[in-house]
PDB file of N, CA and C in Angstrom:
ATOM      1  N   MET A   1      11.924 -24.732  13.364  1.00  0.00           N
ATOM      2  CA  MET A   1      13.063 -24.027  13.931  1.00  0.00           C
ATOM      3  C   MET A   1      12.648 -23.425  15.290  1.00  0.00           C
ATOM      4  N   GLU A   2      13.500 -23.583  16.261  1.00  0.00           N
ATOM      5  CA  GLU A   2      13.216 -23.064  17.606  1.00  0.00           C
ATOM      6  C   GLU A   2      13.416 -21.561  17.623  1.00  0.00           C
ATOM      7  N   ARG A   3      12.491 -20.869  18.259  1.00  0.00           N
ATOM      8  CA  ARG A   3      12.650 -19.420  18.392  1.00  0.00           C
ATOM      9  C   ARG A   3      13.795 -19.123  19.331  1.00  0.00           C
ATOM     10  N   LEU A   4      14.625 -18.155  18.981  1.00  0.00           N
ATOM     11  CA  LEU A   4      15.765 -17.790  19.816  1.00  0.00           C
ATOM     12  C   LEU A   4      15.294 -17.241  21.152  1.00  0.00           C
ATOM     13  N   THR A   5      14.163 -16.563  21.175  1.00  0.00           N
ATOM     14  CA  THR A   5      13.676 -15.989  22.417  1.00  0.00           C
ATOM     15  C   THR A   5      13.185 -17.065  23.392  1.00  0.00           C
ATOM     16  N   LYS A   6      12.966 -18.313  22.946  1.00  0.00           N
ATOM     17  CA  LYS A   6      12.579 -19.376  23.871  1.00  0.00           C
ATOM     18  C   LYS A   6      13.757 -19.721  24.773  1.00  0.00           C
ATOM     19  N   ARG A   7      14.943 -19.300  24.386  1.00  0.00           N
ATOM     20  CA  ARG A   7      16.117 -19.529  25.244  1.00  0.00           C
ATOM     21  C   ARG A   7      16.144 -18.584  26.419  1.00  0.00           C
ATOM     22  N   THR A   8      15.264 -17.621  26.460  1.00  0.00           N
ATOM     23  CA  THR A   8      15.179 -16.664  27.564  1.00  0.00           C
ATOM     24  C   THR A   8      14.306 -17.260  28.647  1.00  0.00           C
ATOM     25  N   ILE A   9      14.801 -17.351  29.850  1.00  0.00           N
ATOM     26  CA  ILE A   9      14.043 -17.896  30.970  1.00  0.00           C
ATOM     27  C   ILE A   9      13.833 -16.754  31.940  1.00  0.00           C
ATOM     28  N   GLY A  10      12.594 -16.516  32.318  1.00  0.00           N
ATOM     29  CA  GLY A  10      12.299 -15.381  33.165  1.00  0.00           C
ATOM     30  C   GLY A  10      12.508 -14.103  32.365  1.00  0.00           C
ATOM     31  N   CYS A  11      13.185 -13.160  32.943  1.00  0.00           N
ATOM     32  CA  CYS A  11      13.437 -11.902  32.261  1.00  0.00           C
ATOM     33  C   CYS A  11      14.866 -11.791  31.756  1.00  0.00           C
ATOM     34  N   PHE A  12      15.794 -12.446  32.417  1.00  0.00           N
ATOM     35  CA  PHE A  12      17.190 -12.169  32.062  1.00  0.00           C
ATOM     36  C   PHE A  12      18.125 -13.358  32.097  1.00  0.00           C
ATOM     37  N   GLN A  13      17.647 -14.543  32.406  1.00  0.00           N
ATOM     38  CA  GLN A  13      18.518 -15.693  32.494  1.00  0.00           C
ATOM     39  C   GLN A  13      18.411 -16.469  31.182  1.00  0.00           C
ATOM     40  N   TYR A  14      19.498 -16.952  30.673  1.00  0.00           N
ATOM     41  CA  TYR A  14      19.452 -17.719  29.435  1.00  0.00           C
ATOM     42  C   TYR A  14      20.579 -18.749  29.411  1.00  0.00           C
ATOM     43  N   THR A  15      20.423 -19.747  28.545  1.00  0.00           N
ATOM     44  CA  THR A  15      21.459 -20.750  28.430  1.00  0.00           C
ATOM     45  C   THR A  15      21.810 -20.929  26.969  1.00  0.00           C
ATOM     46  N   LEU A  16      23.062 -21.009  26.681  1.00  0.00           N
ATOM     47  CA  LEU A  16      23.591 -21.306  25.376  1.00  0.00           C
ATOM     48  C   LEU A  16      24.663 -22.387  25.566  1.00  0.00           C
ATOM     49  N   LYS A  17      25.076 -23.024  24.478  1.00  0.00           N
ATOM     50  CA  LYS A  17      25.973 -24.163  24.571  1.00  0.00           C
ATOM     51  C   LYS A  17      27.219 -23.908  25.429  1.00  0.00           C
ATOM     52  N   ASP A  18      27.954 -22.854  25.164  1.00  0.00           N
ATOM     53  CA  ASP A  18      29.210 -22.611  25.902  1.00  0.00           C
ATOM     54  C   ASP A  18      29.135 -21.310  26.697  1.00  0.00           C
ATOM     55  N   HIS A  19      27.962 -20.994  27.217  1.00  0.00           N
ATOM     56  CA  HIS A  19      27.792 -19.746  27.981  1.00  0.00           C
ATOM     57  C   HIS A  19      28.167 -19.966  29.444  1.00  0.00           C
ATOM     58  N   ASN A  20      28.987 -19.068  29.950  1.00  0.00           N
ATOM     59  CA  ASN A  20      29.340 -19.065  31.383  1.00  0.00           C
ATOM     60  C   ASN A  20      28.808 -17.779  31.990  1.00  0.00           C
ATOM     61  N   PRO A  21      27.788 -17.856  32.856  1.00  0.00           N
ATOM     62  CA  PRO A  21      27.232 -16.639  33.433  1.00  0.00           C
ATOM     63  C   PRO A  21      28.271 -15.907  34.314  1.00  0.00           C
ATOM     64  N   ILE A  22      28.216 -14.603  34.265  1.00  0.00           N
ATOM     65  CA  ILE A  22      29.112 -13.775  35.074  1.00  0.00           C
ATOM     66  C   ILE A  22      28.351 -13.349  36.316  1.00  0.00           C
ATOM     67  N   THR A  23      28.895 -13.618  37.483  1.00  0.00           N
ATOM     68  CA  THR A  23      28.248 -13.252  38.731  1.00  0.00           C
ATOM     69  C   THR A  23      28.042 -11.749  38.778  1.00  0.00           C
ATOM     70  N   GLY A  24      26.833 -11.337  39.121  1.00  0.00           N
ATOM     71  CA  GLY A  24      26.529  -9.915  39.218  1.00  0.00           C
ATOM     72  C   GLY A  24      26.320  -9.259  37.866  1.00  0.00           C
ATOM     73  N   GLU A  25      26.182 -10.034  36.813  1.00  0.00           N
ATOM     74  CA  GLU A  25      26.066  -9.478  35.458  1.00  0.00           C
ATOM     75  C   GLU A  25      24.882  -8.521  35.349  1.00  0.00           C
ATOM     76  N   PHE A  26      23.771  -8.805  36.026  1.00  0.00           N
ATOM     77  CA  PHE A  26      22.585  -8.000  35.918  1.00  0.00           C
ATOM     78  C   PHE A  26      22.306  -7.156  37.154  1.00  0.00           C
ATOM     79  N   ASN A  27      23.333  -6.882  37.928  1.00  0.00           N
ATOM     80  CA  ASN A  27      23.151  -6.022  39.091  1.00  0.00           C
ATOM     81  C   ASN A  27      23.045  -4.570  38.656  1.00  0.00           C
ATOM     82  N   ASN A  28      23.521  -4.249  37.516  1.00  0.00           N
ATOM     83  CA  ASN A  28      23.480  -2.899  36.975  1.00  0.00           C
ATOM     84  C   ASN A  28      22.160  -2.739  36.214  1.00  0.00           C
ATOM     85  N   TYR A  29      21.322  -1.781  36.600  1.00  0.00           N
ATOM     86  CA  TYR A  29      20.002  -1.608  35.966  1.00  0.00           C
ATOM     87  C   TYR A  29      20.142  -1.317  34.467  1.00  0.00           C
ATOM     88  N   ASP A  30      21.097  -0.478  34.075  1.00  0.00           N
ATOM     89  CA  ASP A  30      21.254  -0.152  32.649  1.00  0.00           C
ATOM     90  C   ASP A  30      21.571  -1.381  31.842  1.00  0.00           C
ATOM     91  N   THR A  31      22.422  -2.251  32.342  1.00  0.00           N
ATOM     92  CA  THR A  31      22.770  -3.482  31.636  1.00  0.00           C
ATOM     93  C   THR A  31      21.552  -4.361  31.479  1.00  0.00           C
ATOM     94  N   PHE A  32      20.790  -4.512  32.549  1.00  0.00           N
ATOM     95  CA  PHE A  32      19.577  -5.301  32.526  1.00  0.00           C
ATOM     96  C   PHE A  32      18.570  -4.738  31.539  1.00  0.00           C
ATOM     97  N   PHE A  33      18.370  -3.427  31.548  1.00  0.00           N
ATOM     98  CA  PHE A  33      17.423  -2.764  30.665  1.00  0.00           C
ATOM     99  C   PHE A  33      17.815  -2.957  29.205  1.00  0.00           C
ATOM    100  N   ASN A  34      19.093  -2.754  28.895  1.00  0.00           N
ATOM    101  CA  ASN A  34      19.572  -2.919  27.525  1.00  0.00           C
ATOM    102  C   ASN A  34      19.390  -4.350  27.057  1.00  0.00           C
ATOM    103  N   TYR A  35      19.691  -5.312  27.900  1.00  0.00           N
ATOM    104  CA  TYR A  35      19.522  -6.730  27.565  1.00  0.00           C
ATOM    105  C   TYR A  35      18.023  -7.043  27.339  1.00  0.00           C
ATOM    106  N   SER A  36      17.174  -6.554  28.205  1.00  0.00           N
ATOM    107  CA  SER A  36      15.729  -6.790  28.081  1.00  0.00           C
ATOM    108  C   SER A  36      15.189  -6.224  26.767  1.00  0.00           C
ATOM    109  N   MET A  37      15.644  -5.032  26.405  1.00  0.00           N
ATOM    110  CA  MET A  37      15.201  -4.414  25.153  1.00  0.00           C
ATOM    111  C   MET A  37      15.709  -5.200  23.960  1.00  0.00           C
ATOM    112  N   GLY A  38      16.903  -5.750  24.053  1.00  0.00           N
ATOM    113  CA  GLY A  38      17.445  -6.570  22.962  1.00  0.00           C
ATOM    114  C   GLY A  38      16.617  -7.836  22.775  1.00  0.00           C
ATOM    115  N   ILE A  39      16.232  -8.485  23.877  1.00  0.00           N
ATOM    116  CA  ILE A  39      15.400  -9.690  23.778  1.00  0.00           C
ATOM    117  C   ILE A  39      14.044  -9.343  23.206  1.00  0.00           C
ATOM    118  N   LYS A  40      13.474  -8.205  23.616  1.00  0.00           N
ATOM    119  CA  LYS A  40      12.181  -7.769  23.094  1.00  0.00           C
ATOM    120  C   LYS A  40      12.278  -7.553  21.571  1.00  0.00           C
ATOM    121  N   ARG A  41      13.322  -6.877  21.136  1.00  0.00           N
ATOM    122  CA  ARG A  41      13.501  -6.619  19.709  1.00  0.00           C
ATOM    123  C   ARG A  41      13.701  -7.905  18.928  1.00  0.00           C
ATOM    124  N   LEU A  42      14.461  -8.861  19.504  1.00  0.00           N
ATOM    125  CA  LEU A  42      14.665 -10.138  18.856  1.00  0.00           C
ATOM    126  C   LEU A  42      13.327 -10.868  18.659  1.00  0.00           C
ATOM    127  N   GLY A  43      12.473 -10.818  19.666  1.00  0.00           N
ATOM    128  CA  GLY A  43      11.129 -11.425  19.567  1.00  0.00           C
ATOM    129  C   GLY A  43      10.321 -10.773  18.491  1.00  0.00           C
ATOM    130  N   GLU A  44      10.398  -9.440  18.361  1.00  0.00           N
ATOM    131  CA  GLU A  44       9.650  -8.735  17.317  1.00  0.00           C
ATOM    132  C   GLU A  44      10.142  -9.138  15.928  1.00  0.00           C
ATOM    133  N   LEU A  45      11.471  -9.266  15.788  1.00  0.00           N
ATOM    134  CA  LEU A  45      12.003  -9.694  14.482  1.00  0.00           C
ATOM    135  C   LEU A  45      11.585 -11.110  14.139  1.00  0.00           C
ATOM    136  N   GLU A  46      11.584 -12.000  15.134  1.00  0.00           N
ATOM    137  CA  GLU A  46      11.135 -13.365  14.874  1.00  0.00           C
ATOM    138  C   GLU A  46       9.671 -13.385  14.476  1.00  0.00           C
ATOM    139  N   ASP A  47       8.829 -12.566  15.132  1.00  0.00           N
ATOM    140  CA  ASP A  47       7.420 -12.474  14.770  1.00  0.00           C
ATOM    141  C   ASP A  47       7.236 -11.966  13.358  1.00  0.00           C
ATOM    142  N   THR A  48       8.055 -10.992  12.957  1.00  0.00           N
ATOM    143  CA  THR A  48       7.968 -10.419  11.631  1.00  0.00           C
ATOM    144  C   THR A  48       8.304 -11.461  10.576  1.00  0.00           C
ATOM    145  N   ASN A  49       9.244 -12.311  10.845  1.00  0.00           N
ATOM    146  CA  ASN A  49       9.679 -13.311   9.845  1.00  0.00           C
ATOM    147  C   ASN A  49       8.848 -14.579   9.856  1.00  0.00           C
ATOM    148  N   THR A  50       7.839 -14.686  10.704  1.00  0.00           N
ATOM    149  CA  THR A  50       6.957 -15.840  10.705  1.00  0.00           C
ATOM    150  C   THR A  50       5.849 -15.645   9.702  1.00  0.00           C
ATOM    151  N   PRO A  51       5.714 -16.520   8.711  1.00  0.00           N
ATOM    152  CA  PRO A  51       4.640 -16.370   7.710  1.00  0.00           C
ATOM    153  C   PRO A  51       3.273 -16.484   8.359  1.00  0.00           C
ATOM    154  N   LYS A  52       2.353 -15.622   7.966  1.00  0.00           N
ATOM    155  CA  LYS A  52       0.994 -15.659   8.470  1.00  0.00           C
ATOM    156  C   LYS A  52       0.039 -15.890   7.307  1.00  0.00           C
ATOM    157  N   SER A  53      -1.081 -16.481   7.592  1.00  0.00           N
ATOM    158  CA  SER A  53      -2.079 -16.785   6.585  1.00  0.00           C
ATOM    159  C   SER A  53      -2.675 -15.482   6.015  1.00  0.00           C
ATOM    160  N   ILE A  54      -3.085 -15.534   4.773  1.00  0.00           N
ATOM    161  CA  ILE A  54      -3.670 -14.358   4.121  1.00  0.00           C
ATOM    162  C   ILE A  54      -4.909 -13.878   4.898  1.00  0.00           C
ATOM    163  N   ASP A  55      -5.585 -14.786   5.597  1.00  0.00           N
ATOM    164  CA  ASP A  55      -6.777 -14.422   6.382  1.00  0.00           C
ATOM    165  C   ASP A  55      -6.441 -13.509   7.548  1.00  0.00           C
ATOM    166  N   GLU A  56      -5.184 -13.503   7.999  1.00  0.00           N
ATOM    167  CA  GLU A  56      -4.787 -12.686   9.154  1.00  0.00           C
ATOM    168  C   GLU A  56      -4.369 -11.268   8.746  1.00  0.00           C
ATOM    169  N   TRP A  57      -4.292 -10.989   7.439  1.00  0.00           N
ATOM    170  CA  TRP A  57      -3.848  -9.681   6.987  1.00  0.00           C
ATOM    171  C   TRP A  57      -4.924  -8.651   7.258  1.00  0.00           C
ATOM    172  N   HIS A  58      -4.514  -7.463   7.674  1.00  0.00           N
ATOM    173  CA  HIS A  58      -5.407  -6.330   7.889  1.00  0.00           C
ATOM    174  C   HIS A  58      -4.795  -5.141   7.182  1.00  0.00           C
ATOM    175  N   GLU A  59      -5.593  -4.225   6.716  1.00  0.00           N
ATOM    176  CA  GLU A  59      -5.037  -3.111   5.938  1.00  0.00           C
ATOM    177  C   GLU A  59      -4.080  -2.249   6.749  1.00  0.00           C
ATOM    178  N   ASP A  60      -4.137  -2.343   8.090  1.00  0.00           N
ATOM    179  CA  ASP A  60      -3.153  -1.635   8.931  1.00  0.00           C
ATOM    180  C   ASP A  60      -1.746  -2.231   8.754  1.00  0.00           C
ATOM    181  N   ASP A  61      -1.670  -3.501   8.273  1.00  0.00           N
ATOM    182  CA  ASP A  61      -0.356  -4.140   8.023  1.00  0.00           C
ATOM    183  C   ASP A  61       0.335  -3.511   6.822  1.00  0.00           C
ATOM    184  N   GLY A  62      -0.431  -2.876   5.937  1.00  0.00           N
ATOM    185  CA  GLY A  62       0.167  -2.222   4.751  1.00  0.00           C
ATOM    186  C   GLY A  62       0.766  -3.216   3.781  1.00  0.00           C
ATOM    187  N   ASP A  63       1.765  -2.769   3.036  1.00  0.00           N
ATOM    188  CA  ASP A  63       2.435  -3.624   2.068  1.00  0.00           C
ATOM    189  C   ASP A  63       3.234  -4.691   2.794  1.00  0.00           C
ATOM    190  N   CYS A  64       3.186  -5.910   2.280  1.00  0.00           N
ATOM    191  CA  CYS A  64       3.903  -7.045   2.850  1.00  0.00           C
ATOM    192  C   CYS A  64       4.520  -7.862   1.729  1.00  0.00           C
ATOM    193  N   LEU A  65       5.299  -8.848   2.097  1.00  0.00           N
ATOM    194  CA  LEU A  65       5.816  -9.806   1.123  1.00  0.00           C
ATOM    195  C   LEU A  65       4.856 -10.998   1.134  1.00  0.00           C
ATOM    196  N   TRP A  66       4.402 -11.397  -0.067  1.00  0.00           N
ATOM    197  CA  TRP A  66       3.403 -12.455  -0.193  1.00  0.00           C
ATOM    198  C   TRP A  66       4.019 -13.675  -0.822  1.00  0.00           C
ATOM    199  N   TRP A  67       3.741 -14.843  -0.240  1.00  0.00           N
ATOM    200  CA  TRP A  67       4.411 -16.091  -0.599  1.00  0.00           C
ATOM    201  C   TRP A  67       3.383 -17.193  -0.923  1.00  0.00           C
ATOM    202  N   THR A  68       3.861 -18.172  -1.687  1.00  0.00           N
ATOM    203  CA  THR A  68       3.179 -19.457  -1.823  1.00  0.00           C
ATOM    204  C   THR A  68       4.183 -20.509  -1.375  1.00  0.00           C
ATOM    205  N   PHE A  69       3.678 -21.596  -0.819  1.00  0.00           N
ATOM    206  CA  PHE A  69       4.566 -22.668  -0.359  1.00  0.00           C
ATOM    207  C   PHE A  69       4.316 -23.911  -1.165  1.00  0.00           C
ATOM    208  N   PRO A  70       5.354 -24.627  -1.556  1.00  0.00           N
ATOM    209  CA  PRO A  70       6.781 -24.343  -1.310  1.00  0.00           C
ATOM    210  C   PRO A  70       7.224 -23.126  -2.114  1.00  0.00           C
ATOM    211  N   ILE A  71       8.236 -22.438  -1.609  1.00  0.00           N
ATOM    212  CA  ILE A  71       8.719 -21.218  -2.256  1.00  0.00           C
ATOM    213  C   ILE A  71       9.474 -21.601  -3.517  1.00  0.00           C
ATOM    214  N   GLU A  72       8.966 -21.121  -4.646  1.00  0.00           N
ATOM    215  CA  GLU A  72       9.598 -21.426  -5.948  1.00  0.00           C
ATOM    216  C   GLU A  72       9.878 -20.174  -6.743  1.00  0.00           C
ATOM    217  N   GLU A  73       9.428 -19.006  -6.244  1.00  0.00           N
ATOM    218  CA  GLU A  73       9.651 -17.753  -6.942  1.00  0.00           C
ATOM    219  C   GLU A  73       9.742 -16.624  -5.928  1.00  0.00           C
ATOM    220  N   PRO A  74      10.251 -15.462  -6.332  1.00  0.00           N
ATOM    221  CA  PRO A  74      10.355 -14.332  -5.405  1.00  0.00           C
ATOM    222  C   PRO A  74       8.975 -13.929  -4.924  1.00  0.00           C
ATOM    223  N   PRO A  75       8.884 -13.310  -3.735  1.00  0.00           N
ATOM    224  CA  PRO A  75       7.592 -12.909  -3.213  1.00  0.00           C
ATOM    225  C   PRO A  75       7.025 -11.707  -3.971  1.00  0.00           C
ATOM    226  N   TYR A  76       5.707 -11.594  -3.919  1.00  0.00           N
ATOM    227  CA  TYR A  76       5.040 -10.376  -4.400  1.00  0.00           C
ATOM    228  C   TYR A  76       5.075  -9.358  -3.285  1.00  0.00           C
ATOM    229  N   CYS A  77       5.387  -8.121  -3.579  1.00  0.00           N
ATOM    230  CA  CYS A  77       5.423  -7.054  -2.582  1.00  0.00           C
ATOM    231  C   CYS A  77       4.235  -6.118  -2.845  1.00  0.00           C
ATOM    232  N   GLY A  78       3.369  -5.995  -1.847  1.00  0.00           N
ATOM    233  CA  GLY A  78       2.204  -5.140  -1.997  1.00  0.00           C
ATOM    234  C   GLY A  78       1.147  -5.546  -1.014  1.00  0.00           C
ATOM    235  N   SER A  79      -0.120  -5.237  -1.344  1.00  0.00           N
ATOM    236  CA  SER A  79      -1.232  -5.563  -0.453  1.00  0.00           C
ATOM    237  C   SER A  79      -2.393  -6.130  -1.278  1.00  0.00           C
ATOM    238  N   PRO A  80      -3.320  -6.825  -0.650  1.00  0.00           N
ATOM    239  CA  PRO A  80      -4.495  -7.327  -1.366  1.00  0.00           C
ATOM    240  C   PRO A  80      -5.352  -6.237  -1.958  1.00  0.00           C
ATOM    241  N   LEU A  81      -5.101  -4.982  -1.583  1.00  0.00           N
ATOM    242  CA  LEU A  81      -5.866  -3.879  -2.140  1.00  0.00           C
ATOM    243  C   LEU A  81      -5.336  -3.452  -3.511  1.00  0.00           C
ATOM    244  N   ASP A  82      -4.157  -3.966  -3.895  1.00  0.00           N
ATOM    245  CA  ASP A  82      -3.575  -3.640  -5.208  1.00  0.00           C
ATOM    246  C   ASP A  82      -4.427  -4.257  -6.336  1.00  0.00           C
ATOM    247  N   CYS A  83      -4.538  -3.553  -7.461  1.00  0.00           N
ATOM    248  CA  CYS A  83      -5.329  -4.068  -8.562  1.00  0.00           C
ATOM    249  C   CYS A  83      -4.676  -5.295  -9.225  1.00  0.00           C
ATOM    250  N   ASP A  84      -3.367  -5.418  -9.116  1.00  0.00           N
ATOM    251  CA  ASP A  84      -2.673  -6.548  -9.721  1.00  0.00           C
ATOM    252  C   ASP A  84      -2.253  -7.615  -8.706  1.00  0.00           C
ATOM    253  N   PHE A  85      -2.939  -7.677  -7.534  1.00  0.00           N
ATOM    254  CA  PHE A  85      -2.588  -8.625  -6.486  1.00  0.00           C
ATOM    255  C   PHE A  85      -2.815 -10.054  -6.990  1.00  0.00           C
ATOM    256  N   PRO A  86      -1.803 -10.920  -6.890  1.00  0.00           N
ATOM    257  CA  PRO A  86      -1.963 -12.293  -7.384  1.00  0.00           C
ATOM    258  C   PRO A  86      -2.957 -13.099  -6.558  1.00  0.00           C
ATOM    259  N   ASP A  87      -3.714 -13.955  -7.200  1.00  0.00           N
ATOM    260  CA  ASP A  87      -4.732 -14.727  -6.496  1.00  0.00           C
ATOM    261  C   ASP A  87      -4.207 -16.051  -5.971  1.00  0.00           C
ATOM    262  N   TYR A  88      -2.923 -16.359  -6.216  1.00  0.00           N
ATOM    263  CA  TYR A  88      -2.366 -17.642  -5.801  1.00  0.00           C
ATOM    264  C   TYR A  88      -1.559 -17.594  -4.507  1.00  0.00           C
ATOM    265  N   VAL A  89      -1.289 -16.402  -3.966  1.00  0.00           N
ATOM    266  CA  VAL A  89      -0.497 -16.308  -2.741  1.00  0.00           C
ATOM    267  C   VAL A  89      -1.323 -16.747  -1.546  1.00  0.00           C
ATOM    268  N   THR A  90      -0.664 -17.315  -0.553  1.00  0.00           N
ATOM    269  CA  THR A  90      -1.386 -17.847   0.596  1.00  0.00           C
ATOM    270  C   THR A  90      -0.901 -17.306   1.947  1.00  0.00           C
ATOM    271  N   HIS A  91       0.335 -16.765   1.983  1.00  0.00           N
ATOM    272  CA  HIS A  91       0.902 -16.308   3.243  1.00  0.00           C
ATOM    273  C   HIS A  91       1.644 -14.990   3.040  1.00  0.00           C
ATOM    274  N   PHE A  92       1.835 -14.265   4.115  1.00  0.00           N
ATOM    275  CA  PHE A  92       2.591 -13.033   4.048  1.00  0.00           C
ATOM    276  C   PHE A  92       3.534 -12.905   5.233  1.00  0.00           C
ATOM    277  N   THR A  93       4.579 -12.106   5.017  1.00  0.00           N
ATOM    278  CA  THR A  93       5.463 -11.659   6.107  1.00  0.00           C
ATOM    279  C   THR A  93       5.535 -10.133   6.018  1.00  0.00           C
ATOM    280  N   LYS A  94       5.580  -9.498   7.169  1.00  0.00           N
ATOM    281  CA  LYS A  94       5.671  -8.041   7.183  1.00  0.00           C
ATOM    282  C   LYS A  94       7.048  -7.587   6.734  1.00  0.00           C
ATOM    283  N   LEU A  95       7.075  -6.403   6.188  1.00  0.00           N
ATOM    284  CA  LEU A  95       8.387  -5.810   5.805  1.00  0.00           C
ATOM    285  C   LEU A  95       9.100  -5.292   7.041  1.00  0.00           C
ATOM    286  N   THR A  96      10.369  -5.591   7.139  1.00  0.00           N
ATOM    287  CA  THR A  96      11.181  -5.123   8.258  1.00  0.00           C
ATOM    288  C   THR A  96      11.962  -3.919   7.806  1.00  0.00           C
ATOM    289  N   LEU A  97      11.705  -2.794   8.437  1.00  0.00           N
ATOM    290  CA  LEU A  97      12.396  -1.569   8.102  1.00  0.00           C
ATOM    291  C   LEU A  97      13.629  -1.395   8.988  1.00  0.00           C
ATOM    292  N   PRO A  98      14.687  -0.841   8.442  1.00  0.00           N
ATOM    293  CA  PRO A  98      15.895  -0.669   9.262  1.00  0.00           C
ATOM    294  C   PRO A  98      15.665   0.403  10.348  1.00  0.00           C
ATOM    295  N   ILE A  99      16.389   0.247  11.431  1.00  0.00           N
ATOM    296  CA  ILE A  99      16.297   1.237  12.521  1.00  0.00           C
ATOM    297  C   ILE A  99      17.128   2.435  12.119  1.00  0.00           C
ATOM    298  N   GLU A 100      16.532   3.629  12.284  1.00  0.00           N
ATOM    299  CA  GLU A 100      17.257   4.862  11.943  1.00  0.00           C
ATOM    300  C   GLU A 100      18.280   5.163  13.036  1.00  0.00           C
ATOM    301  N   THR A 101      19.451   5.525  12.581  1.00  0.00           N
ATOM    302  CA  THR A 101      20.505   5.950  13.534  1.00  0.00           C
ATOM    303  C   THR A 101      20.909   7.393  13.220  1.00  0.00           C
ATOM    304  N   ASP A 102      21.459   8.017  14.210  1.00  0.00           N
ATOM    305  CA  ASP A 102      21.892   9.425  14.015  1.00  0.00           C
ATOM    306  C   ASP A 102      23.180   9.504  13.275  1.00  0.00           C
TER     307      ASP A 102
END
């Protein structure tokens, strides 16, 4: 699957199937900044959802979702430091926490 952030060219130009760019769309600094932060957050979410090998886990990652491939059962939630950590898992994804709003 292609990463959505690969559709970003440079800092602010992008192409989608039926996208028509608006002239002067990024002349406003606030608009550009908000767009850039959205692309950055999208990249972080894509990185979070990419399975990583168990060898890449570090205790700073904390509890994660642990998988075996092909996926045939729900993931184990925890860390390799747990006493009941399964020995058959091979990959993990980090937990994505919701953004707090006021």
